[in-house]
Amino acid sequence: TGQRLQQSMENTDLFPNMVIQMIAVGEESGSLDEMSAKVA
């Protein structure tokens, strides 16, 4: 529906804050795959 991935992750209340912030950085910088790999 157009919501950002970071916001949808916060709404689930399942992910640690560090993971959400890393994903947010990935979305902003256009390197979501790299930031997700670092989280993994």
PDB file of all heavy atoms in Angstrom:
ATOM      1  N   THR A   1       0.822  -1.219   0.000  1.00  0.00           N
ATOM      2  CA  THR A   1       0.000   0.000   0.000  1.00  0.00           C
ATOM      3  C   THR A   1       0.850   1.260   0.000  1.00  0.00           C
ATOM      4  O   THR A   1       0.299   2.368   0.079  1.00  0.00           O
ATOM      5  CB  THR A   1      -0.929   0.012   1.223  1.00  0.00           C
ATOM      6  OG1 THR A   1      -0.131  -0.005   2.432  1.00  0.00           O
ATOM      7  CG2 THR A   1      -1.848  -1.193   1.220  1.00  0.00           C
ATOM      8  N   GLY A   2       2.173   1.104  -0.051  1.00  0.00           N
ATOM      9  CA  GLY A   2       3.059   2.267  -0.136  1.00  0.00           C
ATOM     10  C   GLY A   2       3.829   2.582   1.125  1.00  0.00           C
ATOM     11  O   GLY A   2       4.612   3.535   1.157  1.00  0.00           O
ATOM     12  N   GLN A   3       3.659   1.799   2.182  1.00  0.00           N
ATOM     13  CA  GLN A   3       4.377   2.061   3.421  1.00  0.00           C
ATOM     14  C   GLN A   3       5.815   1.589   3.310  1.00  0.00           C
ATOM     15  O   GLN A   3       6.118   0.608   2.618  1.00  0.00           O
ATOM     16  CB  GLN A   3       3.681   1.351   4.577  1.00  0.00           C
ATOM     17  CG  GLN A   3       4.135   1.823   5.954  1.00  0.00           C
ATOM     18  CD  GLN A   3       3.257   1.264   7.060  1.00  0.00           C
ATOM     19  OE1 GLN A   3       3.595   0.271   7.679  1.00  0.00           O
ATOM     20  NE2 GLN A   3       2.114   1.896   7.288  1.00  0.00           N
ATOM     21  N   ARG A   4       6.721   2.271   3.998  1.00  0.00           N
ATOM     22  CA  ARG A   4       8.127   1.893   3.969  1.00  0.00           C
ATOM     23  C   ARG A   4       8.341   0.593   4.746  1.00  0.00           C
ATOM     24  O   ARG A   4       7.615   0.300   5.707  1.00  0.00           O
ATOM     25  CB  ARG A   4       9.001   3.001   4.564  1.00  0.00           C
ATOM     26  CG  ARG A   4       9.000   4.286   3.760  1.00  0.00           C
ATOM     27  CD  ARG A   4       9.908   5.306   4.390  1.00  0.00           C
ATOM     28  NE  ARG A   4      11.282   4.819   4.482  1.00  0.00           N
ATOM     29  CZ  ARG A   4      12.254   5.486   5.103  1.00  0.00           C
ATOM     30  NH1 ARG A   4      11.998   6.643   5.698  1.00  0.00           N
ATOM     31  NH2 ARG A   4      13.481   4.987   5.143  1.00  0.00           N
ATOM     32  N   LEU A   5       9.358  -0.157   4.356  1.00  0.00           N
ATOM     33  CA  LEU A   5       9.658  -1.432   5.018  1.00  0.00           C
ATOM     34  C   LEU A   5      10.013  -1.218   6.477  1.00  0.00           C
ATOM     35  O   LEU A   5       9.610  -1.994   7.348  1.00  0.00           O
ATOM     36  CB  LEU A   5      10.808  -2.133   4.282  1.00  0.00           C
ATOM     37  CG  LEU A   5      11.251  -3.484   4.859  1.00  0.00           C
ATOM     38  CD1 LEU A   5      10.111  -4.492   4.842  1.00  0.00           C
ATOM     39  CD2 LEU A   5      12.439  -4.033   4.065  1.00  0.00           C
ATOM     40  N   GLN A   6      10.759  -0.145   6.751  1.00  0.00           N
ATOM     41  CA  GLN A   6      11.146   0.145   8.141  1.00  0.00           C
ATOM     42  C   GLN A   6       9.919   0.331   9.027  1.00  0.00           C
ATOM     43  O   GLN A   6       9.830  -0.232  10.122  1.00  0.00           O
ATOM     44  CB  GLN A   6      12.007   1.410   8.176  1.00  0.00           C
ATOM     45  CG  GLN A   6      12.278   1.933   9.586  1.00  0.00           C
ATOM     46  CD  GLN A   6      12.543   3.424   9.609  1.00  0.00           C
ATOM     47  OE1 GLN A   6      12.549   4.073   8.563  1.00  0.00           O
ATOM     48  NE2 GLN A   6      12.748   3.985  10.789  1.00  0.00           N
ATOM     49  N   GLN A   7       8.953   1.096   8.549  1.00  0.00           N
ATOM     50  CA  GLN A   7       7.755   1.356   9.341  1.00  0.00           C
ATOM     51  C   GLN A   7       6.936   0.087   9.532  1.00  0.00           C
ATOM     52  O   GLN A   7       6.408  -0.171  10.624  1.00  0.00           O
ATOM     53  CB  GLN A   7       6.909   2.426   8.646  1.00  0.00           C
ATOM     54  CG  GLN A   7       5.682   2.860   9.443  1.00  0.00           C
ATOM     55  CD  GLN A   7       6.047   3.477  10.777  1.00  0.00           C
ATOM     56  OE1 GLN A   7       6.938   4.321  10.853  1.00  0.00           O
ATOM     57  NE2 GLN A   7       5.377   3.054  11.850  1.00  0.00           N
ATOM     58  N   SER A   8       6.834  -0.729   8.503  1.00  0.00           N
ATOM     59  CA  SER A   8       6.059  -1.973   8.627  1.00  0.00           C
ATOM     60  C   SER A   8       6.727  -2.938   9.602  1.00  0.00           C
ATOM     61  O   SER A   8       6.041  -3.678  10.314  1.00  0.00           O
ATOM     62  CB  SER A   8       5.905  -2.619   7.251  1.00  0.00           C
ATOM     63  OG  SER A   8       7.159  -3.012   6.732  1.00  0.00           O
ATOM     64  N   MET A   9       8.062  -2.935   9.658  1.00  0.00           N
ATOM     65  CA  MET A   9       8.763  -3.776  10.631  1.00  0.00           C
ATOM     66  C   MET A   9       8.497  -3.307  12.054  1.00  0.00           C
ATOM     67  O   MET A   9       8.325  -4.111  12.973  1.00  0.00           O
ATOM     68  CB  MET A   9      10.272  -3.783  10.333  1.00  0.00           C
ATOM     69  CG  MET A   9      10.654  -4.532   9.065  1.00  0.00           C
ATOM     70  SD  MET A   9      12.422  -4.401   8.672  1.00  0.00           S
ATOM     71  CE  MET A   9      13.145  -5.248  10.079  1.00  0.00           C
ATOM     72  N   GLU A  10       8.462  -1.991  12.256  1.00  0.00           N
ATOM     73  CA  GLU A  10       8.169  -1.450  13.591  1.00  0.00           C
ATOM     74  C   GLU A  10       6.761  -1.844  14.035  1.00  0.00           C
ATOM     75  O   GLU A  10       6.535  -2.132  15.214  1.00  0.00           O
ATOM     76  CB  GLU A  10       8.312   0.068  13.574  1.00  0.00           C
ATOM     77  CG  GLU A  10       9.750   0.559  13.468  1.00  0.00           C
ATOM     78  CD  GLU A  10       9.822   2.081  13.447  1.00  0.00           C
ATOM     79  OE1 GLU A  10       8.748   2.723  13.382  1.00  0.00           O
ATOM     80  OE2 GLU A  10      10.948   2.613  13.489  1.00  0.00           O
ATOM     81  N   ASN A  11       5.833  -1.873  13.098  1.00  0.00           N
ATOM     82  CA  ASN A  11       4.441  -2.172  13.444  1.00  0.00           C
ATOM     83  C   ASN A  11       4.245  -3.605  13.923  1.00  0.00           C
ATOM     84  O   ASN A  11       3.311  -3.893  14.676  1.00  0.00           O
ATOM     85  CB  ASN A  11       3.533  -1.911  12.237  1.00  0.00           C
ATOM     86  CG  ASN A  11       3.491  -0.444  11.859  1.00  0.00           C
ATOM     87  OD1 ASN A  11       3.812   0.431  12.672  1.00  0.00           O
ATOM     88  ND2 ASN A  11       3.100  -0.150  10.621  1.00  0.00           N
ATOM     89  N   THR A  12       5.105  -4.525  13.480  1.00  0.00           N
ATOM     90  CA  THR A  12       4.960  -5.921  13.892  1.00  0.00           C
ATOM     91  C   THR A  12       5.424  -6.167  15.316  1.00  0.00           C
ATOM     92  O   THR A  12       5.003  -7.128  15.957  1.00  0.00           O
ATOM     93  CB  THR A  12       5.762  -6.844  12.962  1.00  0.00           C
ATOM     94  OG1 THR A  12       7.163  -6.516  13.053  1.00  0.00           O
ATOM     95  CG2 THR A  12       5.301  -6.712  11.522  1.00  0.00           C
ATOM     96  N   ASP A  13       6.315  -5.313  15.815  1.00  0.00           N
ATOM     97  CA  ASP A  13       6.874  -5.470  17.169  1.00  0.00           C
ATOM     98  C   ASP A  13       7.599  -6.818  17.330  1.00  0.00           C
ATOM     99  O   ASP A  13       7.578  -7.418  18.400  1.00  0.00           O
ATOM    100  CB  ASP A  13       5.773  -5.341  18.220  1.00  0.00           C
ATOM    101  CG  ASP A  13       6.334  -5.015  19.605  1.00  0.00           C
ATOM    102  OD1 ASP A  13       7.422  -4.414  19.670  1.00  0.00           O
ATOM    103  OD2 ASP A  13       5.702  -5.396  20.611  1.00  0.00           O
ATOM    104  N   LEU A  14       8.235  -7.271  16.242  1.00  0.00           N
ATOM    105  CA  LEU A  14       8.953  -8.548  16.278  1.00  0.00           C
ATOM    106  C   LEU A  14      10.458  -8.384  16.112  1.00  0.00           C
ATOM    107  O   LEU A  14      11.216  -9.308  16.430  1.00  0.00           O
ATOM    108  CB  LEU A  14       8.442  -9.472  15.160  1.00  0.00           C
ATOM    109  CG  LEU A  14       7.014 -10.006  15.284  1.00  0.00           C
ATOM    110  CD1 LEU A  14       6.629 -10.769  14.025  1.00  0.00           C
ATOM    111  CD2 LEU A  14       6.880 -10.905  16.510  1.00  0.00           C
ATOM    112  N   PHE A  15      10.901  -7.220  15.638  1.00  0.00           N
ATOM    113  CA  PHE A  15      12.301  -7.049  15.281  1.00  0.00           C
ATOM    114  C   PHE A  15      12.997  -6.083  16.239  1.00  0.00           C
ATOM    115  O   PHE A  15      12.419  -5.057  16.631  1.00  0.00           O
ATOM    116  CB  PHE A  15      12.423  -6.524  13.845  1.00  0.00           C
ATOM    117  CG  PHE A  15      11.857  -7.461  12.820  1.00  0.00           C
ATOM    118  CD1 PHE A  15      10.551  -7.338  12.381  1.00  0.00           C
ATOM    119  CD2 PHE A  15      12.637  -8.482  12.298  1.00  0.00           C
ATOM    120  CE1 PHE A  15      10.026  -8.204  11.442  1.00  0.00           C
ATOM    121  CE2 PHE A  15      12.117  -9.362  11.354  1.00  0.00           C
ATOM    122  CZ  PHE A  15      10.824  -9.217  10.925  1.00  0.00           C
ATOM    123  N   PRO A  16      14.243  -6.394  16.608  1.00  0.00           N
ATOM    124  CA  PRO A  16      15.010  -5.488  17.468  1.00  0.00           C
ATOM    125  C   PRO A  16      15.223  -4.131  16.794  1.00  0.00           C
ATOM    126  O   PRO A  16      15.211  -4.022  15.565  1.00  0.00           O
ATOM    127  CB  PRO A  16      16.347  -6.223  17.653  1.00  0.00           C
ATOM    128  CG  PRO A  16      16.055  -7.652  17.335  1.00  0.00           C
ATOM    129  CD  PRO A  16      14.969  -7.631  16.307  1.00  0.00           C
ATOM    130  N   ASN A  17      15.435  -3.100  17.607  1.00  0.00           N
ATOM    131  CA  ASN A  17      15.594  -1.750  17.080  1.00  0.00           C
ATOM    132  C   ASN A  17      16.803  -1.649  16.148  1.00  0.00           C
ATOM    133  O   ASN A  17      16.767  -0.927  15.139  1.00  0.00           O
ATOM    134  CB  ASN A  17      15.732  -0.763  18.244  1.00  0.00           C
ATOM    135  CG  ASN A  17      15.754   0.674  17.773  1.00  0.00           C
ATOM    136  OD1 ASN A  17      14.799   1.161  17.170  1.00  0.00           O
ATOM    137  ND2 ASN A  17      16.867   1.360  18.016  1.00  0.00           N
ATOM    138  N   MET A  18      17.873  -2.373  16.472  1.00  0.00           N
ATOM    139  CA  MET A  18      19.073  -2.336  15.633  1.00  0.00           C
ATOM    140  C   MET A  18      18.777  -2.826  14.218  1.00  0.00           C
ATOM    141  O   MET A  18      19.249  -2.248  13.226  1.00  0.00           O
ATOM    142  CB  MET A  18      20.179  -3.190  16.262  1.00  0.00           C
ATOM    143  CG  MET A  18      21.525  -3.080  15.556  1.00  0.00           C
ATOM    144  SD  MET A  18      21.752  -4.259  14.201  1.00  0.00           S
ATOM    145  CE  MET A  18      22.094  -5.753  15.116  1.00  0.00           C
ATOM    146  N   VAL A  19      17.990  -3.887  14.106  1.00  0.00           N
ATOM    147  CA  VAL A  19      17.640  -4.428  12.788  1.00  0.00           C
ATOM    148  C   VAL A  19      16.818  -3.415  12.005  1.00  0.00           C
ATOM    149  O   VAL A  19      17.065  -3.172  10.810  1.00  0.00           O
ATOM    150  CB  VAL A  19      16.853  -5.746  12.942  1.00  0.00           C
ATOM    151  CG1 VAL A  19      16.427  -6.280  11.581  1.00  0.00           C
ATOM    152  CG2 VAL A  19      17.690  -6.783  13.664  1.00  0.00           C
ATOM    153  N   ILE A  20      15.864  -2.786  12.665  1.00  0.00           N
ATOM    154  CA  ILE A  20      15.008  -1.799  11.997  1.00  0.00           C
ATOM    155  C   ILE A  20      15.841  -0.627  11.491  1.00  0.00           C
ATOM    156  O   ILE A  20      15.648  -0.140  10.366  1.00  0.00           O
ATOM    157  CB  ILE A  20      13.910  -1.323  12.955  1.00  0.00           C
ATOM    158  CG1 ILE A  20      12.981  -2.496  13.320  1.00  0.00           C
ATOM    159  CG2 ILE A  20      13.103  -0.180  12.337  1.00  0.00           C
ATOM    160  CD1 ILE A  20      11.953  -2.164  14.381  1.00  0.00           C
ATOM    161  N   GLN A  21      16.794  -0.164  12.325  1.00  0.00           N
ATOM    162  CA  GLN A  21      17.630   0.965  11.916  1.00  0.00           C
ATOM    163  C   GLN A  21      18.534   0.594  10.738  1.00  0.00           C
ATOM    164  O   GLN A  21      18.736   1.395   9.825  1.00  0.00           O
ATOM    165  CB  GLN A  21      18.479   1.428  13.105  1.00  0.00           C
ATOM    166  CG  GLN A  21      17.678   2.019  14.248  1.00  0.00           C
ATOM    167  CD  GLN A  21      16.780   3.172  13.802  1.00  0.00           C
ATOM    168  OE1 GLN A  21      17.203   4.034  13.050  1.00  0.00           O
ATOM    169  NE2 GLN A  21      15.534   3.175  14.276  1.00  0.00           N
ATOM    170  N   MET A  22      19.074  -0.620  10.750  1.00  0.00           N
ATOM    171  CA  MET A  22      19.921  -1.068   9.636  1.00  0.00           C
ATOM    172  C   MET A  22      19.118  -1.139   8.339  1.00  0.00           C
ATOM    173  O   MET A  22      19.590  -0.728   7.265  1.00  0.00           O
ATOM    174  CB  MET A  22      20.529  -2.427   9.957  1.00  0.00           C
ATOM    175  CG  MET A  22      21.523  -2.429  11.102  1.00  0.00           C
ATOM    176  SD  MET A  22      23.148  -1.888  10.614  1.00  0.00           S
ATOM    177  CE  MET A  22      23.781  -3.366   9.825  1.00  0.00           C
ATOM    178  N   ILE A  23      17.906  -1.646   8.424  1.00  0.00           N
ATOM    179  CA  ILE A  23      17.041  -1.724   7.240  1.00  0.00           C
ATOM    180  C   ILE A  23      16.692  -0.318   6.754  1.00  0.00           C
ATOM    181  O   ILE A  23      16.642  -0.046   5.540  1.00  0.00           O
ATOM    182  CB  ILE A  23      15.767  -2.522   7.554  1.00  0.00           C
ATOM    183  CG1 ILE A  23      16.104  -3.992   7.853  1.00  0.00           C
ATOM    184  CG2 ILE A  23      14.781  -2.428   6.401  1.00  0.00           C
ATOM    185  CD1 ILE A  23      16.723  -4.748   6.702  1.00  0.00           C
ATOM    186  N   ALA A  24      16.459   0.606   7.707  1.00  0.00           N
ATOM    187  CA  ALA A  24      16.144   1.986   7.330  1.00  0.00           C
ATOM    188  C   ALA A  24      17.313   2.619   6.579  1.00  0.00           C
ATOM    189  O   ALA A  24      17.120   3.309   5.570  1.00  0.00           O
ATOM    190  CB  ALA A  24      15.811   2.802   8.582  1.00  0.00           C
ATOM    191  N   VAL A  25      18.535   2.384   7.053  1.00  0.00           N
ATOM    192  CA  VAL A  25      19.724   2.897   6.370  1.00  0.00           C
ATOM    193  C   VAL A  25      19.832   2.302   4.969  1.00  0.00           C
ATOM    194  O   VAL A  25      20.154   2.993   3.997  1.00  0.00           O
ATOM    195  CB  VAL A  25      20.992   2.591   7.188  1.00  0.00           C
ATOM    196  CG1 VAL A  25      22.246   2.939   6.386  1.00  0.00           C
ATOM    197  CG2 VAL A  25      20.981   3.343   8.504  1.00  0.00           C
ATOM    198  N   GLY A  26      19.538   0.994   4.865  1.00  0.00           N
ATOM    199  CA  GLY A  26      19.584   0.340   3.564  1.00  0.00           C
ATOM    200  C   GLY A  26      18.577   0.921   2.592  1.00  0.00           C
ATOM    201  O   GLY A  26      18.863   1.107   1.400  1.00  0.00           O
ATOM    202  N   GLU A  27      17.368   1.229   3.093  1.00  0.00           N
ATOM    203  CA  GLU A  27      16.349   1.830   2.231  1.00  0.00           C
ATOM    204  C   GLU A  27      16.768   3.223   1.759  1.00  0.00           C
ATOM    205  O   GLU A  27      16.581   3.585   0.589  1.00  0.00           O
ATOM    206  CB  GLU A  27      15.020   1.915   2.986  1.00  0.00           C
ATOM    207  CG  GLU A  27      14.257   0.598   3.068  1.00  0.00           C
ATOM    208  CD  GLU A  27      12.867   0.782   3.636  1.00  0.00           C
ATOM    209  OE1 GLU A  27      12.757   1.192   4.809  1.00  0.00           O
ATOM    210  OE2 GLU A  27      11.887   0.520   2.927  1.00  0.00           O
ATOM    211  N   GLU A  28      17.321   4.009   2.691  1.00  0.00           N
ATOM    212  CA  GLU A  28      17.696   5.377   2.352  1.00  0.00           C
ATOM    213  C   GLU A  28      18.859   5.411   1.364  1.00  0.00           C
ATOM    214  O   GLU A  28      18.895   6.261   0.465  1.00  0.00           O
ATOM    215  CB  GLU A  28      18.085   6.138   3.630  1.00  0.00           C
ATOM    216  CG  GLU A  28      16.927   6.416   4.572  1.00  0.00           C
ATOM    217  CD  GLU A  28      15.967   7.462   4.019  1.00  0.00           C
ATOM    218  OE1 GLU A  28      16.359   8.197   3.095  1.00  0.00           O
ATOM    219  OE2 GLU A  28      14.822   7.529   4.494  1.00  0.00           O
ATOM    220  N   SER A  29      19.810   4.495   1.532  1.00  0.00           N
ATOM    221  CA  SER A  29      21.024   4.511   0.708  1.00  0.00           C
ATOM    222  C   SER A  29      20.897   3.678  -0.561  1.00  0.00           C
ATOM    223  O   SER A  29      21.821   3.660  -1.374  1.00  0.00           O
ATOM    224  CB  SER A  29      22.216   4.008   1.533  1.00  0.00           C
ATOM    225  OG  SER A  29      22.005   2.670   1.961  1.00  0.00           O
ATOM    226  N   GLY A  30      19.793   2.948  -0.704  1.00  0.00           N
ATOM    227  CA  GLY A  30      19.621   2.108  -1.884  1.00  0.00           C
ATOM    228  C   GLY A  30      20.451   0.842  -1.849  1.00  0.00           C
ATOM    229  O   GLY A  30      20.735   0.251  -2.893  1.00  0.00           O
ATOM    230  N   SER A  31      20.863   0.424  -0.650  1.00  0.00           N
ATOM    231  CA  SER A  31      21.671  -0.796  -0.502  1.00  0.00           C
ATOM    232  C   SER A  31      21.016  -1.737   0.495  1.00  0.00           C
ATOM    233  O   SER A  31      21.645  -2.202   1.444  1.00  0.00           O
ATOM    234  CB  SER A  31      23.092  -0.437  -0.038  1.00  0.00           C
ATOM    235  OG  SER A  31      23.046   0.307   1.171  1.00  0.00           O
ATOM    236  N   LEU A  32      19.729  -1.996   0.267  1.00  0.00           N
ATOM    237  CA  LEU A  32      18.971  -2.838   1.192  1.00  0.00           C
ATOM    238  C   LEU A  32      19.546  -4.243   1.262  1.00  0.00           C
ATOM    239  O   LEU A  32      19.581  -4.853   2.340  1.00  0.00           O
ATOM    240  CB  LEU A  32      17.506  -2.892   0.759  1.00  0.00           C
ATOM    241  CG  LEU A  32      16.551  -3.673   1.658  1.00  0.00           C
ATOM    242  CD1 LEU A  32      16.532  -3.111   3.067  1.00  0.00           C
ATOM    243  CD2 LEU A  32      15.136  -3.669   1.069  1.00  0.00           C
ATOM    244  N   ASP A  33      20.018  -4.782   0.125  1.00  0.00           N
ATOM    245  CA  ASP A  33      20.567  -6.133   0.126  1.00  0.00           C
ATOM    246  C   ASP A  33      21.835  -6.222   0.968  1.00  0.00           C
ATOM    247  O   ASP A  33      22.030  -7.178   1.727  1.00  0.00           O
ATOM    248  CB  ASP A  33      20.833  -6.593  -1.308  1.00  0.00           C
ATOM    249  CG  ASP A  33      21.715  -5.620  -2.068  1.00  0.00           C
ATOM    250  OD1 ASP A  33      21.729  -4.423  -1.706  1.00  0.00           O
ATOM    251  OD2 ASP A  33      22.393  -6.049  -3.014  1.00  0.00           O
ATOM    252  N   GLU A  34      22.704  -5.202   0.870  1.00  0.00           N
ATOM    253  CA  GLU A  34      23.951  -5.218   1.638  1.00  0.00           C
ATOM    254  C   GLU A  34      23.687  -5.072   3.133  1.00  0.00           C
ATOM    255  O   GLU A  34      24.302  -5.776   3.954  1.00  0.00           O
ATOM    256  CB  GLU A  34      24.875  -4.093   1.161  1.00  0.00           C
ATOM    257  CG  GLU A  34      25.373  -4.262  -0.270  1.00  0.00           C
ATOM    258  CD  GLU A  34      26.279  -3.137  -0.691  1.00  0.00           C
ATOM    259  OE1 GLU A  34      26.663  -2.331   0.187  1.00  0.00           O
ATOM    260  OE2 GLU A  34      26.609  -3.055  -1.889  1.00  0.00           O
ATOM    261  N   MET A  35      22.797  -4.168   3.507  1.00  0.00           N
ATOM    262  CA  MET A  35      22.504  -3.973   4.927  1.00  0.00           C
ATOM    263  C   MET A  35      21.799  -5.200   5.513  1.00  0.00           C
ATOM    264  O   MET A  35      22.071  -5.587   6.659  1.00  0.00           O
ATOM    265  CB  MET A  35      21.641  -2.730   5.120  1.00  0.00           C
ATOM    266  CG  MET A  35      22.293  -1.440   4.658  1.00  0.00           C
ATOM    267  SD  MET A  35      23.939  -1.168   5.371  1.00  0.00           S
ATOM    268  CE  MET A  35      23.521  -0.891   7.089  1.00  0.00           C
ATOM    269  N   SER A  36      20.935  -5.822   4.732  1.00  0.00           N
ATOM    270  CA  SER A  36      20.279  -7.052   5.208  1.00  0.00           C
ATOM    271  C   SER A  36      21.302  -8.160   5.408  1.00  0.00           C
ATOM    272  O   SER A  36      21.214  -8.937   6.367  1.00  0.00           O
ATOM    273  CB  SER A  36      19.200  -7.495   4.208  1.00  0.00           C
ATOM    274  OG  SER A  36      18.193  -6.537   4.081  1.00  0.00           O
ATOM    275  N   ALA A  37      22.277  -8.239   4.491  1.00  0.00           N
ATOM    276  CA  ALA A  37      23.327  -9.257   4.628  1.00  0.00           C
ATOM    277  C   ALA A  37      24.155  -9.023   5.881  1.00  0.00           C
ATOM    278  O   ALA A  37      24.549  -9.974   6.575  1.00  0.00           O
ATOM    279  CB  ALA A  37      24.225  -9.243   3.391  1.00  0.00           C
ATOM    280  N   LYS A  38      24.417  -7.738   6.209  1.00  0.00           N
ATOM    281  CA  LYS A  38      25.175  -7.431   7.432  1.00  0.00           C
ATOM    282  C   LYS A  38      24.381  -7.832   8.672  1.00  0.00           C
ATOM    283  O   LYS A  38      24.944  -8.354   9.650  1.00  0.00           O
ATOM    284  CB  LYS A  38      25.516  -5.928   7.470  1.00  0.00           C
ATOM    285  CG  LYS A  38      26.527  -5.490   6.416  1.00  0.00           C
ATOM    286  CD  LYS A  38      26.845  -4.020   6.542  1.00  0.00           C
ATOM    287  CE  LYS A  38      27.783  -3.560   5.441  1.00  0.00           C
ATOM    288  NZ  LYS A  38      29.107  -4.216   5.527  1.00  0.00           N
ATOM    289  N   VAL A  39      23.073  -7.578   8.641  1.00  0.00           N
ATOM    290  CA  VAL A  39      22.215  -7.996   9.759  1.00  0.00           C
ATOM    291  C   VAL A  39      22.249  -9.516   9.911  1.00  0.00           C
ATOM    292  O   VAL A  39      22.368 -10.049  11.022  1.00  0.00           O
ATOM    293  CB  VAL A  39      20.769  -7.507   9.542  1.00  0.00           C
ATOM    294  CG1 VAL A  39      19.833  -8.129  10.576  1.00  0.00           C
ATOM    295  CG2 VAL A  39      20.703  -5.994   9.623  1.00  0.00           C
ATOM    296  N   ALA A  40      22.154 -10.220   8.776  1.00  0.00           N
ATOM    297  CA  ALA A  40      22.171 -11.685   8.807  1.00  0.00           C
ATOM    298  C   ALA A  40      23.492 -12.200   9.359  1.00  0.00           C
ATOM    299  O   ALA A  40      23.512 -13.118  10.194  1.00  0.00           O
ATOM    300  CB  ALA A  40      21.926 -12.237   7.408  1.00  0.00           C
TER     301      ALA A  40
END
